[in-house]
Protein backbone atom coordinates (compact mmCIF):
# COMPACT_ATOMS: atom_id res chain seq x y z
CA MET A 1 -0.20 -0.11 0.11
CA PHE A 2 1.29 3.58 -0.61
CA LYS A 3 3.77 2.28 -3.14
CA GLY A 4 6.12 1.14 -0.25
CA SER A 5 8.55 -1.71 -0.56
CA LEU A 6 9.92 -4.61 1.61
CA TRP A 7 12.70 -2.52 2.81
CA ASP A 8 10.30 -0.15 4.34
CA ALA A 9 7.61 -2.82 5.97
CA LEU A 10 10.64 -4.35 7.47
CA PRO A 11 11.36 -1.48 10.02
CA ALA A 12 8.15 -0.54 10.69
CA LEU A 13 7.05 -4.01 12.00
CA PRO A 14 9.32 -3.33 15.26
CA ILE A 15 8.89 0.32 15.28
CA SER A 16 5.28 -0.61 15.26
CA GLY A 17 5.50 -2.96 18.31
CA LEU A 18 7.37 -0.52 20.19
CA GLY A 19 5.07 2.42 19.63
CA PHE A 20 1.91 0.11 20.86
CA ALA A 21 3.97 -1.27 24.09
CA ALA A 22 4.99 2.08 24.31
CA VAL A 23 1.54 3.70 24.58
CA ILE A 24 0.64 0.78 26.98
CA TYR A 25 3.26 1.39 29.73
CA LEU A 26 2.66 5.10 29.74
CA HIS A 27 -0.59 4.73 29.73
CA ARG A 28 -0.24 2.59 33.20
CA LEU A 29 2.28 5.45 34.11
CA VAL A 30 0.63 8.38 33.12
CA GLN A 31 -3.12 8.55 33.05
CA THR A 32 -3.29 11.12 30.66
CA LYS A 33 -4.35 9.36 27.25
CA PHE A 34 -3.08 12.46 25.47
CA PHE A 35 0.14 12.40 26.62
CA ALA A 36 1.16 8.67 26.21
CA GLU A 37 -0.20 9.10 22.75
CA PHE A 38 2.15 12.25 21.86
CA SER A 39 5.03 10.33 23.46
CA ALA A 40 4.54 7.01 21.08
CA SER A 41 3.71 8.76 18.31
CA PHE A 42 7.02 10.93 18.90
CA LEU A 43 9.04 7.29 19.78
CA ILE A 44 7.58 5.84 16.15
CA GLY A 45 8.92 9.18 14.26
CA LEU A 46 12.30 8.91 15.97
CA LEU A 47 12.66 5.25 15.39
CA ALA A 48 11.80 5.63 11.88
CA PHE A 49 14.26 8.96 11.45
CA CYS A 50 16.80 6.77 12.54
CA SER A 51 15.79 3.81 10.47
CA VAL A 52 16.35 5.76 7.45
CA LYS A 53 19.75 7.50 8.36
CA LEU A 54 20.88 3.67 8.88
CA GLY A 55 20.29 2.61 5.96
CA ILE A 56 17.71 0.00 7.26
CA GLY A 57 14.42 1.77 5.92
CA GLN A 58 14.30 3.65 2.87
CA GLU A 59 11.56 5.88 2.79
CA MET A 60 10.45 7.53 6.47
CA ASP A 61 6.68 8.27 5.23
CA LYS A 62 5.73 4.61 4.31
CA ILE A 63 7.44 3.68 7.71
CA ILE A 64 5.58 6.05 9.97
CA ILE A 65 2.51 5.39 7.73
CA GLY A 66 2.89 1.63 8.61
CA SER A 67 4.36 2.29 12.39
CA VAL A 68 1.06 4.43 13.64
CA MET A 69 -1.74 2.12 12.20
CA PRO A 70 -2.36 0.44 15.20
CA LEU A 71 -2.36 3.76 17.15
CA VAL A 72 -5.18 5.18 14.71
CA PRO A 73 -8.95 5.71 16.47
CA GLY A 74 -10.85 3.88 13.87
CA LEU A 75 -13.02 2.42 16.05
CA LEU A 76 -13.77 5.57 17.87
CA ILE A 77 -14.80 7.30 14.91
CA THR A 78 -17.16 5.11 13.73
CA ASN A 79 -18.61 4.46 17.05
CA ALA A 80 -18.73 8.53 17.42
CA VAL A 81 -20.49 8.68 13.68
CA ARG A 82 -22.70 5.76 14.60
CA ASP A 83 -23.96 7.18 18.04
CA LEU A 84 -24.47 10.59 16.05
CA MET A 85 -26.61 8.51 13.54
CA ALA A 86 -28.84 7.39 16.23
CA GLY A 87 -29.43 10.32 18.18
CA HIS A 88 -27.59 9.81 21.09
CA LEU A 89 -25.33 13.43 20.61
CA VAL A 90 -23.69 13.86 24.06
CA SER A 91 -21.81 10.24 23.37
CA GLY A 92 -21.55 10.92 19.86
CA ILE A 93 -20.09 14.27 20.40
CA SER A 94 -18.25 12.39 23.28
CA LYS A 95 -16.31 10.04 21.67
CA GLY A 96 -15.84 12.10 18.34
CA ALA A 97 -13.81 14.57 20.93
CA ASP A 98 -12.01 11.71 22.53
CA ALA A 99 -10.99 10.16 18.54
CA PHE A 100 -10.14 14.38 17.42
CA LEU A 101 -7.68 14.30 20.14
CA THR A 102 -6.28 11.53 20.07
CA ALA A 103 -5.56 11.77 16.06
CA PHE A 104 -4.05 15.50 17.10
CA ALA A 105 -1.92 13.83 19.61
CA ILE A 106 -0.59 11.66 17.39
CA GLY A 107 -0.06 14.26 14.34
CA THR A 108 1.75 16.18 17.30
CA GLY A 109 4.00 13.85 18.02
CA ILE A 110 5.10 12.86 14.26
CA GLY A 111 5.02 16.79 13.69
CA LEU A 112 7.65 17.28 16.26
CA VAL A 113 9.85 14.82 14.69
CA LEU A 114 9.38 16.22 11.33
CA SER A 115 10.25 19.79 12.21
CA LEU A 116 13.31 18.80 14.74
CA PHE A 117 14.81 16.55 12.28
């Protein structure tokens, strides 16, 4: 997908696992979900940058896309839209806000890495 190669998928697998493990570990440490997702996405971006600089991967954007997928709030967005369509406005808006904050944390973490390096 996204015209990636095997050389981008190989580093994306362990980076994705480390990023997901970081979310779980940091969420136990700090109860703020935003901070855990921001830090994990920053770690994913940093590891993707290092893998490209070390020659393990070829395209950093493909590695980042593949690694961030477990963190994306797809189910939250789906449930928010379903609740809104069913007329449950309060729960739909709250789930949508949660999904937006999760996506914002992921984007901010990756964006910070891309702006620093």
